[in-house]
Amino acid sequence: MSATASTVEPLSPLLGTVIGITVLTVVGIAFGGTFMLRVVTGKQGANDLQKTFFRAGHAHAGVLVILGLVIALLGPASGASPGWAAAGAIIVLSAAIFVPLGFFLSVLGSDPQRPGRMIASVWLGFACLVVGLVISGVAVLVAGITGF
C-alpha cells in the first residue's frame, strides 16, 4: 500500500459561516433541553398539547440541525457544485428553524386546546426540508456520476 496525499477543499466562506452559526445554535438547543426538563418534571406548567408540541419542537431542532450539518459537509466532500451544495444545506438548515418555531409558537398561551396559526411554520419547514434534500441529493448524485 502506498500513502497518497489527499487534498481537501476548504468550505466556501458562505458555507463556513453558516456552519459556524449553526454549531453555535446548539447552545440554544441545549438550553431548550433545560426547559424541557422543567416541563416534564412539572416545574413549568404546560398542558398535554403543549408538552407534546414542546417535545416535538425540541427533538426536531436537534435532529434537523445534525442533518443540516451533515448535508453541509457532504456536498463539498462529494465535489458537488459549491453553489448547489450551499443552497441545499442552507435550505435544510432553514427547516431546523421553521419546524421547531412552529411547534413552540403554535401552542403559546395559558391552556391552548389546539395549535394556533403558527403551525403553518411546521409545514413551511417540512417543505424546506424536502426541497433542500432534493437539491443536495441531486447535486451529490451529479458529482458522483460526472466523477466516473
C-alpha atoms as a PDB file:
ATOM      1  CA  MET A   1       0.000   0.000   0.000  1.00  0.00           C
ATOM      2  CA  SER A   2       1.294   3.396  -0.829  1.00  0.00           C
ATOM      3  CA  ALA A   3       0.451   6.526   1.038  1.00  0.00           C
ATOM      4  CA  THR A   4      -1.287   9.080  -1.096  1.00  0.00           C
ATOM      5  CA  ALA A   5      -1.869  12.669  -0.236  1.00  0.00           C
ATOM      6  CA  SER A   6      -5.452  13.740  -0.481  1.00  0.00           C
ATOM      7  CA  THR A   7      -6.441  17.307  -0.820  1.00  0.00           C
ATOM      8  CA  VAL A   8      -9.431  18.623   0.995  1.00  0.00           C
ATOM      9  CA  GLU A   9     -11.000  21.700  -0.444  1.00  0.00           C
ATOM     10  CA  PRO A  10     -11.877  24.314   2.155  1.00  0.00           C
ATOM     11  CA  LEU A  11     -15.512  25.220   2.586  1.00  0.00           C
ATOM     12  CA  SER A  12     -16.767  28.299   0.821  1.00  0.00           C
ATOM     13  CA  PRO A  13     -16.845  31.362   3.096  1.00  0.00           C
ATOM     14  CA  LEU A  14     -20.647  31.348   2.928  1.00  0.00           C
ATOM     15  CA  LEU A  15     -20.984  27.703   3.919  1.00  0.00           C
ATOM     16  CA  GLY A  16     -18.285  28.027   6.591  1.00  0.00           C
ATOM     17  CA  THR A  17     -20.140  30.962   8.111  1.00  0.00           C
ATOM     18  CA  VAL A  18     -23.476  29.132   8.033  1.00  0.00           C
ATOM     19  CA  ILE A  19     -21.930  26.042   9.644  1.00  0.00           C
ATOM     20  CA  GLY A  20     -20.276  28.134  12.364  1.00  0.00           C
ATOM     21  CA  ILE A  21     -23.525  29.901  13.194  1.00  0.00           C
ATOM     22  CA  THR A  22     -25.380  26.598  13.181  1.00  0.00           C
ATOM     23  CA  VAL A  23     -22.942  24.979  15.600  1.00  0.00           C
ATOM     24  CA  LEU A  24     -23.437  27.929  17.957  1.00  0.00           C
ATOM     25  CA  THR A  25     -27.220  27.434  17.832  1.00  0.00           C
ATOM     26  CA  VAL A  26     -26.716  24.067  19.512  1.00  0.00           C
ATOM     27  CA  VAL A  27     -26.187  26.068  22.716  1.00  0.00           C
ATOM     28  CA  GLY A  28     -29.781  27.237  22.344  1.00  0.00           C
ATOM     29  CA  ILE A  29     -30.982  23.695  21.766  1.00  0.00           C
ATOM     30  CA  ALA A  30     -29.147  22.595  24.916  1.00  0.00           C
ATOM     31  CA  PHE A  31     -30.810  25.424  26.846  1.00  0.00           C
ATOM     32  CA  GLY A  32     -34.119  24.220  25.404  1.00  0.00           C
ATOM     33  CA  GLY A  33     -33.326  20.872  26.985  1.00  0.00           C
ATOM     34  CA  THR A  34     -33.340  22.504  30.411  1.00  0.00           C
ATOM     35  CA  PHE A  35     -36.759  23.972  29.581  1.00  0.00           C
ATOM     36  CA  MET A  36     -37.974  20.502  28.554  1.00  0.00           C
ATOM     37  CA  LEU A  37     -36.678  19.092  31.819  1.00  0.00           C
ATOM     38  CA  ARG A  38     -38.725  21.679  33.735  1.00  0.00           C
ATOM     39  CA  VAL A  39     -41.815  20.840  31.667  1.00  0.00           C
ATOM     40  CA  VAL A  40     -41.615  17.071  32.112  1.00  0.00           C
ATOM     41  CA  THR A  41     -40.865  17.342  35.838  1.00  0.00           C
ATOM     42  CA  GLY A  42     -43.863  19.635  36.355  1.00  0.00           C
ATOM     43  CA  LYS A  43     -41.795  22.671  37.374  1.00  0.00           C
ATOM     44  CA  GLN A  44     -43.015  24.524  34.274  1.00  0.00           C
ATOM     45  CA  GLY A  45     -46.761  24.479  33.757  1.00  0.00           C
ATOM     46  CA  ALA A  46     -47.921  23.022  30.454  1.00  0.00           C
ATOM     47  CA  ASN A  47     -50.977  21.118  29.308  1.00  0.00           C
ATOM     48  CA  ASP A  48     -50.738  17.831  27.387  1.00  0.00           C
ATOM     49  CA  LEU A  49     -50.838  19.537  23.980  1.00  0.00           C
ATOM     50  CA  GLN A  50     -48.030  21.881  24.970  1.00  0.00           C
ATOM     51  CA  LYS A  51     -45.920  19.041  26.371  1.00  0.00           C
ATOM     52  CA  THR A  52     -46.311  17.084  23.147  1.00  0.00           C
ATOM     53  CA  PHE A  53     -45.524  20.060  20.935  1.00  0.00           C
ATOM     54  CA  PHE A  54     -42.586  21.196  23.078  1.00  0.00           C
ATOM     55  CA  ARG A  55     -41.094  17.686  22.856  1.00  0.00           C
ATOM     56  CA  ALA A  56     -41.607  17.634  19.100  1.00  0.00           C
ATOM     57  CA  GLY A  57     -40.071  21.085  18.692  1.00  0.00           C
ATOM     58  CA  HIS A  58     -37.024  20.235  20.763  1.00  0.00           C
ATOM     59  CA  ALA A  59     -36.454  16.879  19.063  1.00  0.00           C
ATOM     60  CA  HIS A  60     -36.857  18.285  15.570  1.00  0.00           C
ATOM     61  CA  ALA A  61     -34.456  21.129  16.336  1.00  0.00           C
ATOM     62  CA  GLY A  62     -31.696  18.727  17.309  1.00  0.00           C
ATOM     63  CA  VAL A  63     -32.251  16.219  14.528  1.00  0.00           C
ATOM     64  CA  LEU A  64     -32.620  18.801  11.770  1.00  0.00           C
ATOM     65  CA  VAL A  65     -29.512  20.702  12.857  1.00  0.00           C
ATOM     66  CA  ILE A  66     -27.467  17.494  12.752  1.00  0.00           C
ATOM     67  CA  LEU A  67     -28.944  16.560   9.371  1.00  0.00           C
ATOM     68  CA  GLY A  68     -28.236  20.066   8.051  1.00  0.00           C
ATOM     69  CA  LEU A  69     -24.617  19.917   9.224  1.00  0.00           C
ATOM     70  CA  VAL A  70     -24.135  16.515   7.589  1.00  0.00           C
ATOM     71  CA  ILE A  71     -25.622  17.825   4.341  1.00  0.00           C
ATOM     72  CA  ALA A  72     -23.433  20.956   4.573  1.00  0.00           C
ATOM     73  CA  LEU A  73     -20.301  18.796   4.722  1.00  0.00           C
ATOM     74  CA  LEU A  74     -21.466  16.102   2.308  1.00  0.00           C
ATOM     75  CA  GLY A  75     -21.907  18.429  -0.663  1.00  0.00           C
ATOM     76  CA  PRO A  76     -18.369  19.833  -0.719  1.00  0.00           C
ATOM     77  CA  ALA A  77     -16.858  16.441   0.195  1.00  0.00           C
ATOM     78  CA  SER A  78     -18.543  14.845  -2.827  1.00  0.00           C
ATOM     79  CA  GLY A  79     -17.271  17.506  -5.190  1.00  0.00           C
ATOM     80  CA  ALA A  80     -20.747  18.904  -5.784  1.00  0.00           C
ATOM     81  CA  SER A  81     -21.107  22.366  -7.238  1.00  0.00           C
ATOM     82  CA  PRO A  82     -20.356  24.814  -4.398  1.00  0.00           C
ATOM     83  CA  GLY A  83     -23.430  26.890  -5.156  1.00  0.00           C
ATOM     84  CA  TRP A  84     -25.823  23.951  -5.208  1.00  0.00           C
ATOM     85  CA  ALA A  85     -24.170  22.349  -2.179  1.00  0.00           C
ATOM     86  CA  ALA A  86     -24.559  25.567  -0.180  1.00  0.00           C
ATOM     87  CA  ALA A  87     -28.126  26.147  -1.360  1.00  0.00           C
ATOM     88  CA  GLY A  88     -29.249  22.654  -0.396  1.00  0.00           C
ATOM     89  CA  ALA A  89     -27.580  22.823   3.008  1.00  0.00           C
ATOM     90  CA  ILE A  90     -28.933  26.276   3.827  1.00  0.00           C
ATOM     91  CA  ILE A  91     -32.464  25.276   2.851  1.00  0.00           C
ATOM     92  CA  VAL A  92     -32.251  22.121   5.006  1.00  0.00           C
ATOM     93  CA  LEU A  93     -30.909  24.205   7.888  1.00  0.00           C
ATOM     94  CA  SER A  94     -33.774  26.664   7.476  1.00  0.00           C
ATOM     95  CA  ALA A  95     -36.096  23.734   8.199  1.00  0.00           C
ATOM     96  CA  ALA A  96     -34.305  23.458  11.554  1.00  0.00           C
ATOM     97  CA  ILE A  97     -35.619  26.937  12.292  1.00  0.00           C
ATOM     98  CA  PHE A  98     -39.143  26.800  10.869  1.00  0.00           C
ATOM     99  CA  VAL A  99     -40.204  23.380  12.195  1.00  0.00           C
ATOM    100  CA  PRO A 100     -39.359  23.905  15.891  1.00  0.00           C
ATOM    101  CA  LEU A 101     -40.572  27.501  15.713  1.00  0.00           C
ATOM    102  CA  GLY A 102     -43.979  26.285  14.583  1.00  0.00           C
ATOM    103  CA  PHE A 103     -44.188  23.609  17.256  1.00  0.00           C
ATOM    104  CA  PHE A 104     -43.306  26.037  20.045  1.00  0.00           C
ATOM    105  CA  LEU A 105     -45.179  29.150  18.953  1.00  0.00           C
ATOM    106  CA  SER A 106     -48.381  27.390  17.873  1.00  0.00           C
ATOM    107  CA  VAL A 107     -49.159  26.356  21.463  1.00  0.00           C
ATOM    108  CA  LEU A 108     -48.340  29.518  23.378  1.00  0.00           C
ATOM    109  CA  GLY A 109     -50.843  30.631  25.979  1.00  0.00           C
ATOM    110  CA  SER A 110     -52.174  29.520  29.318  1.00  0.00           C
ATOM    111  CA  ASP A 111     -54.141  26.443  28.185  1.00  0.00           C
ATOM    112  CA  PRO A 112     -54.406  26.046  24.398  1.00  0.00           C
ATOM    113  CA  GLN A 113     -56.654  23.232  23.213  1.00  0.00           C
ATOM    114  CA  ARG A 114     -55.479  23.275  19.571  1.00  0.00           C
ATOM    115  CA  PRO A 115     -52.418  24.588  17.780  1.00  0.00           C
ATOM    116  CA  GLY A 116     -52.640  28.175  16.589  1.00  0.00           C
ATOM    117  CA  ARG A 117     -51.803  29.655  13.200  1.00  0.00           C
ATOM    118  CA  MET A 118     -48.073  29.310  13.716  1.00  0.00           C
ATOM    119  CA  ILE A 119     -48.494  25.600  12.938  1.00  0.00           C
ATOM    120  CA  ALA A 120     -48.067  26.774   9.331  1.00  0.00           C
ATOM    121  CA  SER A 121     -44.384  27.253  10.147  1.00  0.00           C
ATOM    122  CA  VAL A 122     -44.072  23.487  10.664  1.00  0.00           C
ATOM    123  CA  TRP A 123     -45.406  22.848   7.156  1.00  0.00           C
ATOM    124  CA  LEU A 124     -43.141  25.534   5.708  1.00  0.00           C
ATOM    125  CA  GLY A 125     -40.206  23.885   7.453  1.00  0.00           C
ATOM    126  CA  PHE A 126     -41.051  20.458   6.092  1.00  0.00           C
ATOM    127  CA  ALA A 127     -41.348  21.941   2.596  1.00  0.00           C
ATOM    128  CA  CYS A 128     -37.879  23.486   3.040  1.00  0.00           C
ATOM    129  CA  LEU A 129     -36.576  20.136   4.234  1.00  0.00           C
ATOM    130  CA  VAL A 130     -37.839  18.310   1.143  1.00  0.00           C
ATOM    131  CA  VAL A 131     -36.585  20.975  -1.270  1.00  0.00           C
ATOM    132  CA  GLY A 132     -33.179  21.170   0.417  1.00  0.00           C
ATOM    133  CA  LEU A 133     -32.775  17.397   0.450  1.00  0.00           C
ATOM    134  CA  VAL A 134     -33.714  17.109  -3.224  1.00  0.00           C
ATOM    135  CA  ILE A 135     -31.243  19.847  -4.184  1.00  0.00           C
ATOM    136  CA  SER A 136     -28.496  18.289  -2.072  1.00  0.00           C
ATOM    137  CA  GLY A 137     -29.215  14.758  -3.256  1.00  0.00           C
ATOM    138  CA  VAL A 138     -29.200  15.729  -6.921  1.00  0.00           C
ATOM    139  CA  ALA A 139     -26.012  17.819  -6.500  1.00  0.00           C
ATOM    140  CA  VAL A 140     -24.188  14.916  -4.847  1.00  0.00           C
ATOM    141  CA  LEU A 141     -25.563  12.457  -7.421  1.00  0.00           C
ATOM    142  CA  VAL A 142     -24.432  14.649 -10.326  1.00  0.00           C
ATOM    143  CA  ALA A 143     -20.981  14.998  -8.753  1.00  0.00           C
ATOM    144  CA  GLY A 144     -20.791  11.229  -8.402  1.00  0.00           C
ATOM    145  CA  ILE A 145     -21.946  10.495 -11.946  1.00  0.00           C
ATOM    146  CA  THR A 146     -19.625  13.044 -13.533  1.00  0.00           C
ATOM    147  CA  GLY A 147     -16.756  11.640 -11.464  1.00  0.00           C
ATOM    148  CA  PHE A 148     -16.801   8.320 -13.344  1.00  0.00           C
END
